[in-house]
Protein backbone atom coordinates (compact mmCIF):
# COMPACT_ATOMS: atom_id res chain seq x y z
CA MET A 1 -56.05 -189.67 -73.77
CA LYS A 2 -54.97 -188.07 -70.28
CA PHE A 3 -56.14 -184.96 -69.49
CA VAL A 4 -52.67 -183.17 -67.51
CA LEU A 5 -53.91 -179.41 -67.19
CA ASP A 6 -56.54 -177.30 -65.83
CA THR A 7 -57.70 -173.88 -66.90
CA HIS A 8 -60.36 -172.65 -65.02
CA THR A 9 -59.83 -172.53 -61.37
CA HIS A 10 -61.31 -170.12 -58.57
CA THR A 11 -59.38 -169.62 -55.04
CA ILE A 12 -61.05 -168.05 -51.67
CA ALA A 13 -60.13 -164.49 -53.48
CA SER A 14 -63.39 -165.34 -55.94
CA GLY A 15 -64.87 -164.53 -52.69
CA HIS A 16 -67.69 -167.74 -53.06
CA ALA A 17 -64.85 -170.59 -53.12
CA TYR A 18 -62.89 -172.27 -50.49
CA SER A 19 -59.53 -172.98 -51.26
CA THR A 20 -55.93 -171.45 -51.42
CA ILE A 21 -53.36 -172.16 -54.16
CA HIS A 22 -51.58 -174.41 -51.46
CA ASP A 23 -54.97 -176.27 -51.38
CA TYR A 24 -55.39 -176.44 -55.17
CA ILE A 25 -51.44 -177.66 -55.64
CA GLU A 26 -51.96 -180.06 -53.26
CA VAL A 27 -54.76 -181.93 -55.10
CA ALA A 28 -53.33 -181.35 -58.11
CA LYS A 29 -50.32 -183.37 -57.31
CA LYS A 30 -52.34 -186.36 -56.36
CA LYS A 31 -54.27 -186.03 -59.67
CA LYS A 32 -50.81 -186.07 -61.42
CA LEU A 33 -51.74 -182.73 -63.22
CA GLU A 34 -48.90 -180.98 -65.07
CA LEU A 35 -50.09 -177.16 -64.90
CA VAL A 36 -53.10 -175.26 -63.39
CA ALA A 37 -54.24 -171.69 -64.40
CA PHE A 38 -55.46 -169.65 -61.56
CA THR A 39 -58.38 -167.98 -62.66
CA ASP A 40 -60.30 -165.98 -60.17
CA HIS A 41 -63.31 -163.73 -60.78
CA GLY A 42 -63.21 -160.10 -62.28
CA PRO A 43 -63.83 -157.44 -59.87
CA ALA A 44 -67.39 -156.87 -60.88
CA MET A 45 -68.68 -160.31 -59.31
CA PRO A 46 -69.86 -159.59 -56.02
CA GLY A 47 -67.51 -160.75 -53.29
CA GLY A 48 -64.73 -160.76 -55.73
CA PRO A 49 -61.19 -159.34 -55.91
CA ASN A 50 -59.96 -155.83 -56.17
CA ILE A 51 -58.48 -155.59 -59.66
CA PHE A 52 -55.20 -155.06 -57.90
CA TYR A 53 -55.11 -158.53 -56.62
CA ILE A 54 -55.55 -159.65 -60.43
CA GLY A 55 -52.25 -157.24 -61.15
CA ASN A 56 -50.54 -158.84 -58.38
CA GLN A 57 -50.30 -162.33 -59.60
CA ARG A 58 -46.36 -161.45 -60.67
CA VAL A 59 -45.74 -162.98 -56.92
CA ILE A 60 -47.24 -166.26 -57.84
CA PRO A 61 -43.89 -168.69 -58.74
CA ARG A 62 -43.98 -170.23 -62.40
CA GLU A 63 -43.87 -173.81 -60.71
CA ILE A 64 -44.97 -174.86 -57.10
CA ASP A 65 -43.97 -178.37 -56.07
CA GLY A 66 -43.46 -179.52 -59.82
CA ILE A 67 -46.93 -177.96 -60.74
CA GLU A 68 -46.26 -175.24 -63.61
CA ILE A 69 -48.72 -172.25 -62.90
CA LEU A 70 -50.82 -169.79 -65.40
CA ARG A 71 -51.72 -166.22 -64.08
CA GLY A 72 -55.42 -165.66 -64.85
CA VAL A 73 -58.55 -164.18 -64.78
CA GLU A 74 -61.93 -165.02 -65.46
CA ALA A 75 -63.39 -162.09 -66.75
CA ASN A 76 -66.91 -160.53 -67.00
CA ILE A 77 -68.83 -159.79 -70.15
CA MET A 78 -70.50 -156.51 -68.84
CA ASP A 79 -72.60 -155.16 -72.19
CA PHE A 80 -73.38 -156.97 -75.10
CA GLU A 81 -71.10 -155.32 -76.85
CA GLY A 82 -68.32 -157.49 -75.10
CA ASN A 83 -66.63 -155.23 -72.94
CA ILE A 84 -65.08 -156.76 -69.69
CA ASP A 85 -64.04 -155.81 -66.25
CA ILE A 86 -60.67 -155.63 -66.82
CA PRO A 87 -58.50 -153.19 -68.21
CA ASP A 88 -55.91 -153.70 -71.15
CA PHE A 89 -53.12 -152.77 -68.67
CA TYR A 90 -53.80 -155.59 -66.85
CA LEU A 91 -54.95 -158.16 -69.68
CA GLU A 92 -51.73 -157.69 -71.54
CA ARG A 93 -49.42 -159.12 -68.68
CA LEU A 94 -51.67 -162.06 -67.74
CA ASP A 95 -50.68 -165.45 -69.16
CA LEU A 96 -54.87 -166.59 -69.71
CA VAL A 97 -57.79 -164.41 -69.90
CA LEU A 98 -61.26 -166.24 -69.94
CA ALA A 99 -64.23 -164.28 -70.47
CA SER A 100 -68.07 -165.73 -69.68
CA LEU A 101 -71.24 -163.97 -68.98
CA HIS A 102 -72.77 -164.27 -65.51
CA ASP A 103 -76.34 -163.34 -64.68
CA VAL A 104 -75.18 -161.16 -61.72
CA CYS A 105 -72.95 -158.91 -63.63
CA ILE A 106 -75.29 -158.74 -66.98
CA GLN A 107 -79.03 -159.82 -67.27
CA PRO A 108 -79.66 -162.82 -69.98
CA GLY A 109 -80.78 -161.24 -73.22
CA THR A 110 -82.19 -161.97 -76.66
CA ARG A 111 -80.68 -164.79 -78.45
CA GLU A 112 -79.01 -162.58 -80.70
CA GLU A 113 -77.80 -159.77 -77.90
CA ASN A 114 -76.13 -163.03 -76.17
CA THR A 115 -74.68 -164.27 -79.40
CA ARG A 116 -73.09 -160.46 -80.03
CA ALA A 117 -72.07 -160.12 -76.39
CA PHE A 118 -69.68 -163.12 -77.14
CA ILE A 119 -68.71 -162.21 -80.48
CA LYS A 120 -67.55 -158.96 -79.45
CA VAL A 121 -65.93 -160.12 -76.77
CA MET A 122 -63.68 -162.83 -79.16
CA ASN A 123 -62.47 -159.21 -80.81
CA ASN A 124 -60.63 -158.95 -77.58
CA ARG A 125 -57.21 -159.88 -78.58
CA TYR A 126 -56.16 -160.62 -75.08
CA VAL A 127 -59.15 -163.04 -74.13
CA ASP A 128 -58.16 -166.42 -74.79
CA ILE A 129 -60.81 -168.81 -73.59
CA VAL A 130 -64.77 -168.07 -74.04
CA ALA A 131 -65.70 -169.91 -70.88
CA HIS A 132 -69.10 -172.05 -70.07
CA PRO A 133 -71.14 -170.84 -73.46
CA GLY A 134 -73.54 -173.85 -72.93
CA ASN A 135 -75.53 -172.09 -70.25
CA PRO A 136 -78.88 -172.08 -71.13
CA ARG A 137 -79.30 -168.95 -69.19
CA PHE A 138 -77.66 -167.06 -71.98
CA PRO A 139 -79.23 -168.66 -75.41
CA ILE A 140 -76.99 -168.17 -78.54
CA ASP A 141 -76.51 -168.86 -82.00
CA ILE A 142 -74.18 -171.57 -81.57
CA ASN A 143 -73.20 -171.78 -85.60
CA GLU A 144 -72.72 -168.23 -85.50
CA PHE A 145 -70.43 -168.44 -81.72
CA VAL A 146 -68.07 -171.01 -83.11
CA LEU A 147 -67.48 -169.61 -86.39
CA ALA A 148 -66.35 -166.42 -84.60
CA ALA A 149 -64.52 -168.46 -82.52
CA LYS A 150 -62.68 -169.93 -85.18
CA LYS A 151 -61.88 -166.78 -87.44
CA ASN A 152 -60.76 -165.37 -84.04
CA ASN A 153 -58.74 -167.82 -83.16
CA LYS A 154 -60.47 -168.80 -79.50
CA ILE A 155 -60.66 -171.71 -77.34
CA ILE A 156 -64.27 -172.78 -76.45
CA GLU A 157 -64.68 -174.20 -73.00
CA ILE A 158 -66.62 -176.99 -72.18
CA ASN A 159 -67.59 -176.18 -68.71
CA ASN A 160 -67.46 -179.46 -66.26
CA SER A 161 -69.10 -177.89 -63.60
CA THR A 162 -72.10 -176.28 -65.44
CA PHE A 163 -73.41 -180.18 -65.93
CA THR A 164 -74.06 -180.04 -62.05
CA ASN A 165 -74.80 -176.62 -61.44
CA PRO A 166 -78.52 -176.68 -60.56
CA GLY A 167 -79.27 -173.29 -62.06
CA ARG A 168 -77.76 -174.26 -65.71
CA SER A 169 -79.96 -177.29 -66.44
CA GLY A 170 -80.17 -178.28 -70.14
CA SER A 171 -76.29 -177.31 -70.58
CA ARG A 172 -75.51 -180.87 -71.57
CA ASP A 173 -77.24 -180.66 -75.11
CA ASN A 174 -76.04 -177.22 -75.43
CA CYS A 175 -72.21 -178.32 -74.98
CA ILE A 176 -73.10 -181.18 -77.44
CA MET A 177 -74.20 -179.17 -80.03
CA ILE A 178 -71.29 -176.63 -79.46
CA ALA A 179 -68.43 -179.48 -79.44
CA ARG A 180 -69.99 -180.62 -82.32
CA LYS A 181 -69.59 -177.44 -84.23
CA ALA A 182 -66.33 -177.04 -82.76
CA LYS A 183 -65.13 -180.60 -84.09
CA GLU A 184 -66.90 -179.32 -87.84
CA HIS A 185 -65.17 -176.32 -88.05
CA GLY A 186 -61.71 -177.10 -86.21
CA VAL A 187 -61.84 -175.29 -83.28
CA PHE A 188 -59.78 -175.78 -80.18
CA VAL A 189 -61.93 -176.89 -77.01
CA VAL A 190 -61.34 -177.41 -73.44
CA ALA A 191 -62.45 -178.55 -70.25
CA GLY A 192 -62.75 -176.58 -67.43
CA SER A 193 -63.38 -177.76 -64.36
CA ASP A 194 -64.49 -174.22 -63.29
CA ALA A 195 -63.35 -175.82 -59.19
CA HIS A 196 -64.49 -173.13 -56.69
CA ILE A 197 -63.22 -176.02 -54.16
CA SER A 198 -59.46 -177.66 -54.50
CA PHE A 199 -60.87 -181.20 -54.56
CA ASP A 200 -62.69 -180.42 -57.90
CA VAL A 201 -59.18 -179.30 -59.70
CA GLY A 202 -58.60 -181.72 -62.76
CA SER A 203 -62.63 -182.77 -62.55
CA PHE A 204 -63.75 -183.57 -66.13
CA GLN A 205 -65.38 -186.06 -65.98
CA LYS A 206 -68.65 -184.66 -67.80
CA SER A 207 -66.69 -183.04 -70.36
CA ILE A 208 -64.87 -186.40 -71.36
CA GLU A 209 -68.36 -187.85 -71.87
CA VAL A 210 -69.25 -184.97 -74.36
CA PHE A 211 -66.01 -185.26 -76.12
CA LYS A 212 -65.95 -188.54 -76.82
CA LEU A 213 -69.67 -188.62 -77.76
CA VAL A 214 -69.02 -186.22 -80.49
CA GLU A 215 -65.47 -188.27 -80.83
CA MET A 216 -63.55 -184.94 -80.22
CA PRO A 217 -59.90 -184.91 -82.18
CA GLU A 218 -57.30 -185.11 -79.71
CA GLU A 219 -55.29 -182.32 -81.44
CA LEU A 220 -58.35 -179.99 -80.72
CA ILE A 221 -58.26 -180.69 -77.17
CA MET A 222 -56.01 -178.39 -74.97
CA ASN A 223 -56.23 -180.40 -71.73
CA THR A 224 -53.98 -182.71 -73.20
CA SER A 225 -50.78 -181.33 -73.44
CA LYS A 226 -49.13 -178.39 -71.82
CA GLU A 227 -46.65 -177.79 -74.78
CA LYS A 228 -49.86 -177.20 -76.68
CA LEU A 229 -51.54 -175.18 -74.53
CA LYS A 230 -48.18 -172.83 -74.51
CA LYS A 231 -47.68 -172.60 -78.00
CA TYR A 232 -50.88 -171.38 -78.61
CA LEU A 233 -50.40 -168.70 -76.03
CA LYS A 234 -47.02 -167.90 -77.27
CA GLU A 235 -47.96 -167.56 -80.70
CA LYS A 236 -50.95 -165.13 -79.67
CA GLY A 237 -48.01 -163.00 -77.95
CA LYS A 238 -48.42 -164.22 -74.28
CA LYS A 239 -44.91 -163.67 -73.13
CA LEU A 240 -45.10 -166.84 -69.97
CA GLU A 241 -42.53 -165.12 -68.41
CA GLU A 242 -41.27 -164.44 -64.83
CA LYS A 243 -42.61 -160.86 -64.77
CA ALA A 244 -45.92 -161.34 -66.88
CA VAL A 245 -47.81 -159.40 -64.70
CA GLY A 246 -47.34 -156.15 -63.18
CA PRO A 247 -46.63 -153.62 -61.70
CA ILE A 248 -49.13 -152.03 -59.90
CA LYS A 249 -50.48 -148.44 -60.88
């Protein structure tokens, strides 16, 4: 399988990442990627961008040096009711919305609380991908989580960087179980690099190992075709048009 797109990257705007959009494009070209989504953190992340940064992405071209661009965000789940730090005014204009739990924005809860946070955020029609759900700091009921993703037509991310993050030791076993359940229930998955520096864009080796281990069908993996991803987004009502984001208010 050839992976041609990356749905999870962070620029210097996220506050703890180290590359610009131009840096990412240069590496993406060398790696022969076809599409990159820029998904900087929401404003609740310490050091994260102002909400106006998220809203002004309409100025980012749809294509740069042959690489197609999606304008997105990694929204922070702020409570166990699934509320996030991006207002609907901005969400409805974005191409791609990731939602995730970070312990600097919400302290880990019980298994039931963490599961509820993910299930509730999946009720948000603007959310497309649930990011790094395998993080062992936030234990979840994997079966309930995957069934909720199926019910709400959400994509589950198998996050590549989570395997090497020293603060997420144990992620691999969780991700394997999540991937197996996703395969069992026919839920879309995506490998996200979660790159915080341009050299990591399109780095999926650990995620690919999980997909191979569980024998994930190619049709469930979003990275193999930008047309497949765009079809999914358009069917959800994403416009993917030139002025998909903005104006700022």
